[in-house]
Amino acid sequence: MNLLVHAPLSEPPTEALPFRYVLSSCKIDCGMEILLECEEGSKDLYWDFLKRRGMFDFISDIVNPLEEKGLRLDTKVRNQQRTVVAKYIRIENQVIILDLVKKRYFSW
């Protein structure tokens, strides 16, 4: 199953290590394919931003929004898709986000 991460969720106030932790746990523990969703014109910017911070290690590809199916990690629900909503990923909410992703993944 895909985990589709909305690219703006990677921007500050999101912190790099909690972001990596959530994505690595989803990829390793759940076997999810991690895809970053962003607009066509922003792909290079997000790739460079994430790569320099070590946040791209567990991301398999960058795709256009709503192009792929799967569980979403986003700042809001889009098109009534199955979504875990968060304003940011930081040390104080990383475990909560991961628990929500795992619950939605295993109930799919």
PDB file of N, CA and C in Angstrom:
ATOM      1  N   MET A   1       0.838  -1.171   0.000  1.00  0.00           N
ATOM      2  CA  MET A   1       0.000   0.000   0.000  1.00  0.00           C
ATOM      3  C   MET A   1       0.888   1.242   0.000  1.00  0.00           C
ATOM      4  N   ASN A   2       0.416   2.295  -0.631  1.00  0.00           N
ATOM      5  CA  ASN A   2       1.127   3.562  -0.682  1.00  0.00           C
ATOM      6  C   ASN A   2       0.783   4.423   0.522  1.00  0.00           C
ATOM      7  N   LEU A   3       1.781   5.145   1.021  1.00  0.00           N
ATOM      8  CA  LEU A   3       1.556   6.255   1.942  1.00  0.00           C
ATOM      9  C   LEU A   3       1.900   7.500   1.156  1.00  0.00           C
ATOM     10  N   LEU A   4       0.895   8.335   0.911  1.00  0.00           N
ATOM     11  CA  LEU A   4       1.059   9.542   0.114  1.00  0.00           C
ATOM     12  C   LEU A   4       1.225  10.730   1.056  1.00  0.00           C
ATOM     13  N   VAL A   5       2.402  11.305   1.073  1.00  0.00           N
ATOM     14  CA  VAL A   5       2.715  12.413   1.974  1.00  0.00           C
ATOM     15  C   VAL A   5       2.614  13.716   1.196  1.00  0.00           C
ATOM     16  N   HIS A   6       1.746  14.608   1.658  1.00  0.00           N
ATOM     17  CA  HIS A   6       1.595  15.913   1.013  1.00  0.00           C
ATOM     18  C   HIS A   6       2.857  16.727   1.292  1.00  0.00           C
ATOM     19  N   ALA A   7       3.544  17.181   0.252  1.00  0.00           N
ATOM     20  CA  ALA A   7       4.855  17.808   0.367  1.00  0.00           C
ATOM     21  C   ALA A   7       4.927  18.968   1.372  1.00  0.00           C
ATOM     22  N   PRO A   8       3.953  19.877   1.416  1.00  0.00           N
ATOM     23  CA  PRO A   8       4.061  20.968   2.385  1.00  0.00           C
ATOM     24  C   PRO A   8       4.139  20.500   3.850  1.00  0.00           C
ATOM     25  N   LEU A   9       3.750  19.278   4.106  1.00  0.00           N
ATOM     26  CA  LEU A   9       3.868  18.741   5.467  1.00  0.00           C
ATOM     27  C   LEU A   9       5.331  18.564   5.861  1.00  0.00           C
ATOM     28  N   SER A  10       6.242  18.554   4.916  1.00  0.00           N
ATOM     29  CA  SER A  10       7.667  18.409   5.214  1.00  0.00           C
ATOM     30  C   SER A  10       8.329  19.738   5.579  1.00  0.00           C
ATOM     31  N   GLU A  11       7.646  20.835   5.340  1.00  0.00           N
ATOM     32  CA  GLU A  11       8.205  22.162   5.598  1.00  0.00           C
ATOM     33  C   GLU A  11       8.111  22.519   7.083  1.00  0.00           C
ATOM     34  N   PRO A  12       8.963  23.472   7.542  1.00  0.00           N
ATOM     35  CA  PRO A  12       8.838  23.925   8.937  1.00  0.00           C
ATOM     36  C   PRO A  12       7.418  24.396   9.212  1.00  0.00           C
ATOM     37  N   PRO A  13       6.892  24.091  10.382  1.00  0.00           N
ATOM     38  CA  PRO A  13       7.530  23.679  11.633  1.00  0.00           C
ATOM     39  C   PRO A  13       7.816  22.183  11.762  1.00  0.00           C
ATOM     40  N   THR A  14       7.621  21.394  10.702  1.00  0.00           N
ATOM     41  CA  THR A  14       7.994  19.975  10.762  1.00  0.00           C
ATOM     42  C   THR A  14       9.497  19.870  10.995  1.00  0.00           C
ATOM     43  N   GLU A  15       9.871  18.893  11.848  1.00  0.00           N
ATOM     44  CA  GLU A  15      11.279  18.656  12.154  1.00  0.00           C
ATOM     45  C   GLU A  15      11.773  17.430  11.378  1.00  0.00           C
ATOM     46  N   ALA A  16      13.032  17.464  10.954  1.00  0.00           N
ATOM     47  CA  ALA A  16      13.588  16.426  10.089  1.00  0.00           C
ATOM     48  C   ALA A  16      13.595  15.040  10.737  1.00  0.00           C
ATOM     49  N   LEU A  17      14.082  14.905  11.947  1.00  0.00           N
ATOM     50  CA  LEU A  17      14.190  13.568  12.555  1.00  0.00           C
ATOM     51  C   LEU A  17      12.840  12.916  12.813  1.00  0.00           C
ATOM     52  N   PRO A  18      11.852  13.614  13.374  1.00  0.00           N
ATOM     53  CA  PRO A  18      10.534  12.987  13.512  1.00  0.00           C
ATOM     54  C   PRO A  18       9.899  12.628  12.171  1.00  0.00           C
ATOM     55  N   PHE A  19      10.094  13.462  11.156  1.00  0.00           N
ATOM     56  CA  PHE A  19       9.592  13.179   9.817  1.00  0.00           C
ATOM     57  C   PHE A  19      10.200  11.869   9.305  1.00  0.00           C
ATOM     58  N   ARG A  20      11.523  11.743   9.416  1.00  0.00           N
ATOM     59  CA  ARG A  20      12.212  10.508   9.002  1.00  0.00           C
ATOM     60  C   ARG A  20      11.727   9.311   9.801  1.00  0.00           C
ATOM     61  N   TYR A  21      11.525   9.490  11.107  1.00  0.00           N
ATOM     62  CA  TYR A  21      11.091   8.385  11.962  1.00  0.00           C
ATOM     63  C   TYR A  21       9.733   7.854  11.511  1.00  0.00           C
ATOM     64  N   VAL A  22       8.796   8.751  11.276  1.00  0.00           N
ATOM     65  CA  VAL A  22       7.456   8.341  10.849  1.00  0.00           C
ATOM     66  C   VAL A  22       7.535   7.604   9.505  1.00  0.00           C
ATOM     67  N   LEU A  23       8.252   8.162   8.544  1.00  0.00           N
ATOM     68  CA  LEU A  23       8.340   7.530   7.231  1.00  0.00           C
ATOM     69  C   LEU A  23       9.091   6.205   7.289  1.00  0.00           C
ATOM     70  N   SER A  24      10.161   6.147   8.059  1.00  0.00           N
ATOM     71  CA  SER A  24      10.919   4.885   8.155  1.00  0.00           C
ATOM     72  C   SER A  24      10.087   3.797   8.814  1.00  0.00           C
ATOM     73  N   SER A  25       9.334   4.136   9.836  1.00  0.00           N
ATOM     74  CA  SER A  25       8.476   3.145  10.492  1.00  0.00           C
ATOM     75  C   SER A  25       7.388   2.646   9.553  1.00  0.00           C
ATOM     76  N   CYS A  26       6.812   3.540   8.773  1.00  0.00           N
ATOM     77  CA  CYS A  26       5.783   3.137   7.816  1.00  0.00           C
ATOM     78  C   CYS A  26       6.377   2.216   6.748  1.00  0.00           C
ATOM     79  N   LYS A  27       7.572   2.535   6.278  1.00  0.00           N
ATOM     80  CA  LYS A  27       8.197   1.734   5.227  1.00  0.00           C
ATOM     81  C   LYS A  27       8.677   0.386   5.763  1.00  0.00           C
ATOM     82  N   ILE A  28       9.352   0.396   6.906  1.00  0.00           N
ATOM     83  CA  ILE A  28       9.964  -0.827   7.426  1.00  0.00           C
ATOM     84  C   ILE A  28       8.956  -1.704   8.165  1.00  0.00           C
ATOM     85  N   ASP A  29       8.186  -1.119   9.079  1.00  0.00           N
ATOM     86  CA  ASP A  29       7.251  -1.904   9.894  1.00  0.00           C
ATOM     87  C   ASP A  29       6.006  -2.344   9.124  1.00  0.00           C
ATOM     88  N   CYS A  30       5.524  -1.479   8.239  1.00  0.00           N
ATOM     89  CA  CYS A  30       4.275  -1.770   7.521  1.00  0.00           C
ATOM     90  C   CYS A  30       4.505  -2.171   6.067  1.00  0.00           C
ATOM     91  N   GLY A  31       5.694  -1.988   5.566  1.00  0.00           N
ATOM     92  CA  GLY A  31       5.968  -2.319   4.166  1.00  0.00           C
ATOM     93  C   GLY A  31       5.300  -1.377   3.184  1.00  0.00           C
ATOM     94  N   MET A  32       5.051  -0.153   3.610  1.00  0.00           N
ATOM     95  CA  MET A  32       4.381   0.813   2.751  1.00  0.00           C
ATOM     96  C   MET A  32       5.372   1.432   1.766  1.00  0.00           C
ATOM     97  N   GLU A  33       4.870   1.802   0.617  1.00  0.00           N
ATOM     98  CA  GLU A  33       5.638   2.541  -0.375  1.00  0.00           C
ATOM     99  C   GLU A  33       5.369   4.022  -0.105  1.00  0.00           C
ATOM    100  N   ILE A  34       6.405   4.818   0.171  1.00  0.00           N
ATOM    101  CA  ILE A  34       6.244   6.222   0.531  1.00  0.00           C
ATOM    102  C   ILE A  34       6.377   7.075  -0.723  1.00  0.00           C
ATOM    103  N   LEU A  35       5.329   7.834  -1.025  1.00  0.00           N
ATOM    104  CA  LEU A  35       5.316   8.730  -2.183  1.00  0.00           C
ATOM    105  C   LEU A  35       5.060  10.153  -1.704  1.00  0.00           C
ATOM    106  N   LEU A  36       5.824  11.096  -2.207  1.00  0.00           N
ATOM    107  CA  LEU A  36       5.637  12.505  -1.879  1.00  0.00           C
ATOM    108  C   LEU A  36       4.769  13.125  -2.959  1.00  0.00           C
ATOM    109  N   GLU A  37       3.728  13.829  -2.563  1.00  0.00           N
ATOM    110  CA  GLU A  37       2.821  14.485  -3.514  1.00  0.00           C
ATOM    111  C   GLU A  37       3.113  15.974  -3.577  1.00  0.00           C
ATOM    112  N   CYS A  38       3.407  16.474  -4.772  1.00  0.00           N
ATOM    113  CA  CYS A  38       3.542  17.919  -4.955  1.00  0.00           C
ATOM    114  C   CYS A  38       3.271  18.280  -6.407  1.00  0.00           C
ATOM    115  N   GLU A  39       3.075  19.547  -6.643  1.00  0.00           N
ATOM    116  CA  GLU A  39       2.798  20.039  -7.989  1.00  0.00           C
ATOM    117  C   GLU A  39       4.024  19.861  -8.875  1.00  0.00           C
ATOM    118  N   GLU A  40       3.806  19.726 -10.146  1.00  0.00           N
ATOM    119  CA  GLU A  40       4.868  19.470 -11.125  1.00  0.00           C
ATOM    120  C   GLU A  40       6.017  20.475 -11.008  1.00  0.00           C
ATOM    121  N   GLY A  41       5.718  21.746 -10.879  1.00  0.00           N
ATOM    122  CA  GLY A  41       6.750  22.779 -10.834  1.00  0.00           C
ATOM    123  C   GLY A  41       7.550  22.819  -9.543  1.00  0.00           C
ATOM    124  N   SER A  42       7.121  22.089  -8.525  1.00  0.00           N
ATOM    125  CA  SER A  42       7.784  22.125  -7.221  1.00  0.00           C
ATOM    126  C   SER A  42       8.630  20.887  -6.936  1.00  0.00           C
ATOM    127  N   LYS A  43       8.623  19.918  -7.812  1.00  0.00           N
ATOM    128  CA  LYS A  43       9.299  18.640  -7.542  1.00  0.00           C
ATOM    129  C   LYS A  43      10.786  18.812  -7.267  1.00  0.00           C
ATOM    130  N   ASP A  44      11.476  19.587  -8.087  1.00  0.00           N
ATOM    131  CA  ASP A  44      12.914  19.782  -7.888  1.00  0.00           C
ATOM    132  C   ASP A  44      13.204  20.510  -6.577  1.00  0.00           C
ATOM    133  N   LEU A  45      12.375  21.491  -6.251  1.00  0.00           N
ATOM    134  CA  LEU A  45      12.573  22.237  -5.005  1.00  0.00           C
ATOM    135  C   LEU A  45      12.422  21.330  -3.785  1.00  0.00           C
ATOM    136  N   TYR A  46      11.374  20.510  -3.776  1.00  0.00           N
ATOM    137  CA  TYR A  46      11.169  19.600  -2.648  1.00  0.00           C
ATOM    138  C   TYR A  46      12.249  18.528  -2.595  1.00  0.00           C
ATOM    139  N   TRP A  47      12.658  18.006  -3.738  1.00  0.00           N
ATOM    140  CA  TRP A  47      13.710  16.988  -3.745  1.00  0.00           C
ATOM    141  C   TRP A  47      14.986  17.558  -3.122  1.00  0.00           C
ATOM    142  N   ASP A  48      15.392  18.755  -3.535  1.00  0.00           N
ATOM    143  CA  ASP A  48      16.599  19.390  -3.007  1.00  0.00           C
ATOM    144  C   ASP A  48      16.458  19.694  -1.513  1.00  0.00           C
ATOM    145  N   PHE A  49      15.326  20.263  -1.120  1.00  0.00           N
ATOM    146  CA  PHE A  49      15.063  20.598   0.284  1.00  0.00           C
ATOM    147  C   PHE A  49      15.146  19.357   1.169  1.00  0.00           C
ATOM    148  N   LEU A  50      14.475  18.285   0.766  1.00  0.00           N
ATOM    149  CA  LEU A  50      14.442  17.063   1.573  1.00  0.00           C
ATOM    150  C   LEU A  50      15.778  16.321   1.545  1.00  0.00           C
ATOM    151  N   LYS A  51      16.411  16.265   0.401  1.00  0.00           N
ATOM    152  CA  LYS A  51      17.675  15.539   0.257  1.00  0.00           C
ATOM    153  C   LYS A  51      18.758  16.154   1.147  1.00  0.00           C
ATOM    154  N   ARG A  52      18.845  17.473   1.181  1.00  0.00           N
ATOM    155  CA  ARG A  52      19.864  18.139   1.997  1.00  0.00           C
ATOM    156  C   ARG A  52      19.661  17.925   3.493  1.00  0.00           C
ATOM    157  N   ARG A  53      18.458  17.630   3.921  1.00  0.00           N
ATOM    158  CA  ARG A  53      18.156  17.437   5.336  1.00  0.00           C
ATOM    159  C   ARG A  53      18.060  15.955   5.725  1.00  0.00           C
ATOM    160  N   GLY A  54      18.325  15.067   4.775  1.00  0.00           N
ATOM    161  CA  GLY A  54      18.238  13.636   5.047  1.00  0.00           C
ATOM    162  C   GLY A  54      16.812  13.145   5.203  1.00  0.00           C
ATOM    163  N   MET A  55      15.857  13.887   4.659  1.00  0.00           N
ATOM    164  CA  MET A  55      14.444  13.552   4.812  1.00  0.00           C
ATOM    165  C   MET A  55      13.909  12.753   3.621  1.00  0.00           C
ATOM    166  N   PHE A  56      14.744  12.522   2.603  1.00  0.00           N
ATOM    167  CA  PHE A  56      14.278  11.845   1.396  1.00  0.00           C
ATOM    168  C   PHE A  56      14.621  10.355   1.395  1.00  0.00           C
ATOM    169  N   ASP A  57      15.316   9.884   2.418  1.00  0.00           N
ATOM    170  CA  ASP A  57      15.834   8.514   2.442  1.00  0.00           C
ATOM    171  C   ASP A  57      14.773   7.429   2.257  1.00  0.00           C
ATOM    172  N   PHE A  58      13.588   7.628   2.778  1.00  0.00           N
ATOM    173  CA  PHE A  58      12.566   6.584   2.741  1.00  0.00           C
ATOM    174  C   PHE A  58      11.472   6.865   1.710  1.00  0.00           C
ATOM    175  N   ILE A  59      11.619   7.930   0.953  1.00  0.00           N
ATOM    176  CA  ILE A  59      10.641   8.296  -0.076  1.00  0.00           C
ATOM    177  C   ILE A  59      11.048   7.631  -1.383  1.00  0.00           C
ATOM    178  N   SER A  60      10.106   6.918  -1.998  1.00  0.00           N
ATOM    179  CA  SER A  60      10.388   6.197  -3.240  1.00  0.00           C
ATOM    180  C   SER A  60      10.275   7.056  -4.492  1.00  0.00           C
ATOM    181  N   ASP A  61       9.336   8.013  -4.479  1.00  0.00           N
ATOM    182  CA  ASP A  61       9.106   8.806  -5.686  1.00  0.00           C
ATOM    183  C   ASP A  61       8.329  10.062  -5.332  1.00  0.00           C
ATOM    184  N   ILE A  62       8.356  11.021  -6.252  1.00  0.00           N
ATOM    185  CA  ILE A  62       7.544  12.234  -6.139  1.00  0.00           C
ATOM    186  C   ILE A  62       6.485  12.162  -7.227  1.00  0.00           C
ATOM    187  N   VAL A  63       5.228  12.321  -6.824  1.00  0.00           N
ATOM    188  CA  VAL A  63       4.104  12.183  -7.760  1.00  0.00           C
ATOM    189  C   VAL A  63       3.219  13.421  -7.722  1.00  0.00           C
ATOM    190  N   ASN A  64       2.383  13.569  -8.737  1.00  0.00           N
ATOM    191  CA  ASN A  64       1.412  14.657  -8.778  1.00  0.00           C
ATOM    192  C   ASN A  64       0.286  14.384  -7.789  1.00  0.00           C
ATOM    193  N   PRO A  65      -0.323  15.433  -7.233  1.00  0.00           N
ATOM    194  CA  PRO A  65      -1.420  15.252  -6.269  1.00  0.00           C
ATOM    195  C   PRO A  65      -2.574  14.444  -6.844  1.00  0.00           C
ATOM    196  N   LEU A  66      -3.103  13.561  -6.021  1.00  0.00           N
ATOM    197  CA  LEU A  66      -4.273  12.734  -6.313  1.00  0.00           C
ATOM    198  C   LEU A  66      -4.071  11.825  -7.522  1.00  0.00           C
ATOM    199  N   GLU A  67      -2.833  11.558  -7.886  1.00  0.00           N
ATOM    200  CA  GLU A  67      -2.512  10.690  -9.012  1.00  0.00           C
ATOM    201  C   GLU A  67      -2.498   9.219  -8.585  1.00  0.00           C
ATOM    202  N   GLU A  68      -2.114   8.964  -7.360  1.00  0.00           N
ATOM    203  CA  GLU A  68      -1.980   7.607  -6.839  1.00  0.00           C
ATOM    204  C   GLU A  68      -3.027   7.343  -5.756  1.00  0.00           C
ATOM    205  N   LYS A  69      -3.279   6.081  -5.508  1.00  0.00           N
ATOM    206  CA  LYS A  69      -4.208   5.656  -4.454  1.00  0.00           C
ATOM    207  C   LYS A  69      -3.411   5.189  -3.244  1.00  0.00           C
ATOM    208  N   GLY A  70      -4.017   5.312  -2.070  1.00  0.00           N
ATOM    209  CA  GLY A  70      -3.383   4.844  -0.848  1.00  0.00           C
ATOM    210  C   GLY A  70      -3.828   5.669   0.353  1.00  0.00           C
ATOM    211  N   LEU A  71      -3.152   5.482   1.437  1.00  0.00           N
ATOM    212  CA  LEU A  71      -3.401   6.237   2.667  1.00  0.00           C
ATOM    213  C   LEU A  71      -2.638   7.550   2.579  1.00  0.00           C
ATOM    214  N   ARG A  72      -3.291   8.640   2.957  1.00  0.00           N
ATOM    215  CA  ARG A  72      -2.673   9.953   2.852  1.00  0.00           C
ATOM    216  C   ARG A  72      -2.237  10.474   4.218  1.00  0.00           C
ATOM    217  N   LEU A  73      -1.115  11.171   4.218  1.00  0.00           N
ATOM    218  CA  LEU A  73      -0.643  11.933   5.368  1.00  0.00           C
ATOM    219  C   LEU A  73      -0.626  13.369   4.886  1.00  0.00           C
ATOM    220  N   ASP A  74      -1.544  14.176   5.413  1.00  0.00           N
ATOM    221  CA  ASP A  74      -1.809  15.479   4.811  1.00  0.00           C
ATOM    222  C   ASP A  74      -2.219  16.480   5.881  1.00  0.00           C
ATOM    223  N   THR A  75      -2.313  17.748   5.469  1.00  0.00           N
ATOM    224  CA  THR A  75      -2.750  18.802   6.375  1.00  0.00           C
ATOM    225  C   THR A  75      -4.269  18.933   6.413  1.00  0.00           C
ATOM    226  N   LYS A  76      -4.958  18.302   5.467  1.00  0.00           N
ATOM    227  CA  LYS A  76      -6.420  18.275   5.456  1.00  0.00           C
ATOM    228  C   LYS A  76      -6.890  17.101   4.595  1.00  0.00           C
ATOM    229  N   VAL A  77      -8.156  16.749   4.706  1.00  0.00           N
ATOM    230  CA  VAL A  77      -8.729  15.662   3.916  1.00  0.00           C
ATOM    231  C   VAL A  77      -9.061  16.211   2.532  1.00  0.00           C
ATOM    232  N   ARG A  78      -8.642  15.484   1.511  1.00  0.00           N
ATOM    233  CA  ARG A  78      -8.903  15.887   0.120  1.00  0.00           C
ATOM    234  C   ARG A  78      -9.712  14.796  -0.586  1.00  0.00           C
ATOM    235  N   ASN A  79     -10.770  15.199  -1.275  1.00  0.00           N
ATOM    236  CA  ASN A  79     -11.586  14.268  -2.077  1.00  0.00           C
ATOM    237  C   ASN A  79     -12.048  13.040  -1.293  1.00  0.00           C
ATOM    238  N   GLN A  80     -12.363  13.209  -0.033  1.00  0.00           N
ATOM    239  CA  GLN A  80     -12.871  12.138   0.823  1.00  0.00           C
ATOM    240  C   GLN A  80     -11.959  10.917   0.806  1.00  0.00           C
ATOM    241  N   GLN A  81     -10.671  11.139   0.730  1.00  0.00           N
ATOM    242  CA  GLN A  81      -9.682  10.067   0.758  1.00  0.00           C
ATOM    243  C   GLN A  81      -9.398   9.677   2.203  1.00  0.00           C
ATOM    244  N   ARG A  82      -8.949   8.451   2.413  1.00  0.00           N
ATOM    245  CA  ARG A  82      -8.533   8.002   3.740  1.00  0.00           C
ATOM    246  C   ARG A  82      -7.256   8.761   4.105  1.00  0.00           C
ATOM    247  N   THR A  83      -7.330   9.591   5.155  1.00  0.00           N
ATOM    248  CA  THR A  83      -6.247  10.532   5.456  1.00  0.00           C
ATOM    249  C   THR A  83      -5.964  10.606   6.941  1.00  0.00           C
ATOM    250  N   VAL A  84      -4.680  10.671   7.277  1.00  0.00           N
ATOM    251  CA  VAL A  84      -4.236  11.042   8.617  1.00  0.00           C
ATOM    252  C   VAL A  84      -3.871  12.515   8.515  1.00  0.00           C
ATOM    253  N   VAL A  85      -4.535  13.346   9.318  1.00  0.00           N
ATOM    254  CA  VAL A  85      -4.359  14.790   9.244  1.00  0.00           C
ATOM    255  C   VAL A  85      -3.414  15.257  10.344  1.00  0.00           C
ATOM    256  N   ALA A  86      -2.450  16.099   9.962  1.00  0.00           N
ATOM    257  CA  ALA A  86      -1.522  16.710  10.913  1.00  0.00           C
ATOM    258  C   ALA A  86      -1.083  18.063  10.367  1.00  0.00           C
ATOM    259  N   LYS A  87      -0.883  19.026  11.260  1.00  0.00           N
ATOM    260  CA  LYS A  87      -0.393  20.332  10.833  1.00  0.00           C
ATOM    261  C   LYS A  87       1.113  20.292  10.585  1.00  0.00           C
ATOM    262  N   TYR A  88       1.788  19.387  11.305  1.00  0.00           N
ATOM    263  CA  TYR A  88       3.237  19.233  11.211  1.00  0.00           C
ATOM    264  C   TYR A  88       3.623  17.907  11.843  1.00  0.00           C
ATOM    265  N   ILE A  89       4.881  17.509  11.644  1.00  0.00           N
ATOM    266  CA  ILE A  89       5.403  16.307  12.285  1.00  0.00           C
ATOM    267  C   ILE A  89       6.587  16.746  13.140  1.00  0.00           C
ATOM    268  N   ARG A  90       6.390  16.642  14.444  1.00  0.00           N
ATOM    269  CA  ARG A  90       7.422  17.041  15.403  1.00  0.00           C
ATOM    270  C   ARG A  90       7.525  15.985  16.486  1.00  0.00           C
ATOM    271  N   ILE A  91       8.501  16.139  17.338  1.00  0.00           N
ATOM    272  CA  ILE A  91       8.764  15.156  18.378  1.00  0.00           C
ATOM    273  C   ILE A  91       7.518  14.897  19.234  1.00  0.00           C
ATOM    274  N   GLU A  92       6.732  15.931  19.493  1.00  0.00           N
ATOM    275  CA  GLU A  92       5.584  15.788  20.391  1.00  0.00           C
ATOM    276  C   GLU A  92       4.393  15.056  19.760  1.00  0.00           C
ATOM    277  N   ASN A  93       4.355  14.944  18.428  1.00  0.00           N
ATOM    278  CA  ASN A  93       3.205  14.258  17.833  1.00  0.00           C
ATOM    279  C   ASN A  93       3.594  13.086  16.926  1.00  0.00           C
ATOM    280  N   GLN A  94       4.881  12.766  16.824  1.00  0.00           N
ATOM    281  CA  GLN A  94       5.310  11.706  15.901  1.00  0.00           C
ATOM    282  C   GLN A  94       4.718  10.348  16.249  1.00  0.00           C
ATOM    283  N   VAL A  95       4.624  10.007  17.523  1.00  0.00           N
ATOM    284  CA  VAL A  95       4.076   8.705  17.924  1.00  0.00           C
ATOM    285  C   VAL A  95       2.575   8.652  17.653  1.00  0.00           C
ATOM    286  N   ILE A  96       1.891   9.749  17.895  1.00  0.00           N
ATOM    287  CA  ILE A  96       0.444   9.813  17.630  1.00  0.00           C
ATOM    288  C   ILE A  96       0.172   9.626  16.143  1.00  0.00           C
ATOM    289  N   ILE A  97       0.933  10.327  15.294  1.00  0.00           N
ATOM    290  CA  ILE A  97       0.762  10.214  13.845  1.00  0.00           C
ATOM    291  C   ILE A  97       1.042   8.787  13.388  1.00  0.00           C
ATOM    292  N   LEU A  98       2.106   8.216  13.892  1.00  0.00           N
ATOM    293  CA  LEU A  98       2.470   6.849  13.515  1.00  0.00           C
ATOM    294  C   LEU A  98       1.401   5.850  13.948  1.00  0.00           C
ATOM    295  N   ASP A  99       0.869   6.007  15.153  1.00  0.00           N
ATOM    296  CA  ASP A  99      -0.217   5.136  15.613  1.00  0.00           C
ATOM    297  C   ASP A  99      -1.444   5.250  14.716  1.00  0.00           C
ATOM    298  N   LEU A 100      -1.800   6.473  14.327  1.00  0.00           N
ATOM    299  CA  LEU A 100      -2.958   6.669  13.442  1.00  0.00           C
ATOM    300  C   LEU A 100      -2.728   6.035  12.075  1.00  0.00           C
ATOM    301  N   VAL A 101      -1.531   6.180  11.539  1.00  0.00           N
ATOM    302  CA  VAL A 101      -1.215   5.575  10.239  1.00  0.00           C
ATOM    303  C   VAL A 101      -1.325   4.058  10.341  1.00  0.00           C
ATOM    304  N   LYS A 102      -0.746   3.484  11.388  1.00  0.00           N
ATOM    305  CA  LYS A 102      -0.774   2.021  11.541  1.00  0.00           C
ATOM    306  C   LYS A 102      -2.197   1.507  11.745  1.00  0.00           C
ATOM    307  N   LYS A 103      -3.014   2.226  12.522  1.00  0.00           N
ATOM    308  CA  LYS A 103      -4.409   1.799  12.721  1.00  0.00           C
ATOM    309  C   LYS A 103      -5.174   1.828  11.404  1.00  0.00           C
ATOM    310  N   ARG A 104      -5.005   2.890  10.621  1.00  0.00           N
ATOM    311  CA  ARG A 104      -5.708   2.990   9.337  1.00  0.00           C
ATOM    312  C   ARG A 104      -5.165   1.968   8.338  1.00  0.00           C
ATOM    313  N   TYR A 105      -3.877   1.709   8.396  1.00  0.00           N
ATOM    314  CA  TYR A 105      -3.257   0.748   7.485  1.00  0.00           C
ATOM    315  C   TYR A 105      -3.760  -0.666   7.783  1.00  0.00           C
ATOM    316  N   PHE A 106      -3.764  -1.047   9.047  1.00  0.00           N
ATOM    317  CA  PHE A 106      -4.161  -2.404   9.390  1.00  0.00           C
ATOM    318  C   PHE A 106      -5.679  -2.609   9.349  1.00  0.00           C
ATOM    319  N   SER A 107      -6.460  -1.525   9.302  1.00  0.00           N
ATOM    320  CA  SER A 107      -7.917  -1.684   9.187  1.00  0.00           C
ATOM    321  C   SER A 107      -8.381  -1.602   7.739  1.00  0.00           C
ATOM    322  N   TRP A 108      -7.454  -1.353   6.821  1.00  0.00           N
ATOM    323  CA  TRP A 108      -7.779  -1.182   5.404  1.00  0.00           C
ATOM    324  C   TRP A 108      -8.352  -2.437   4.823  1.00  0.00           C
TER     325      TRP A 108
END
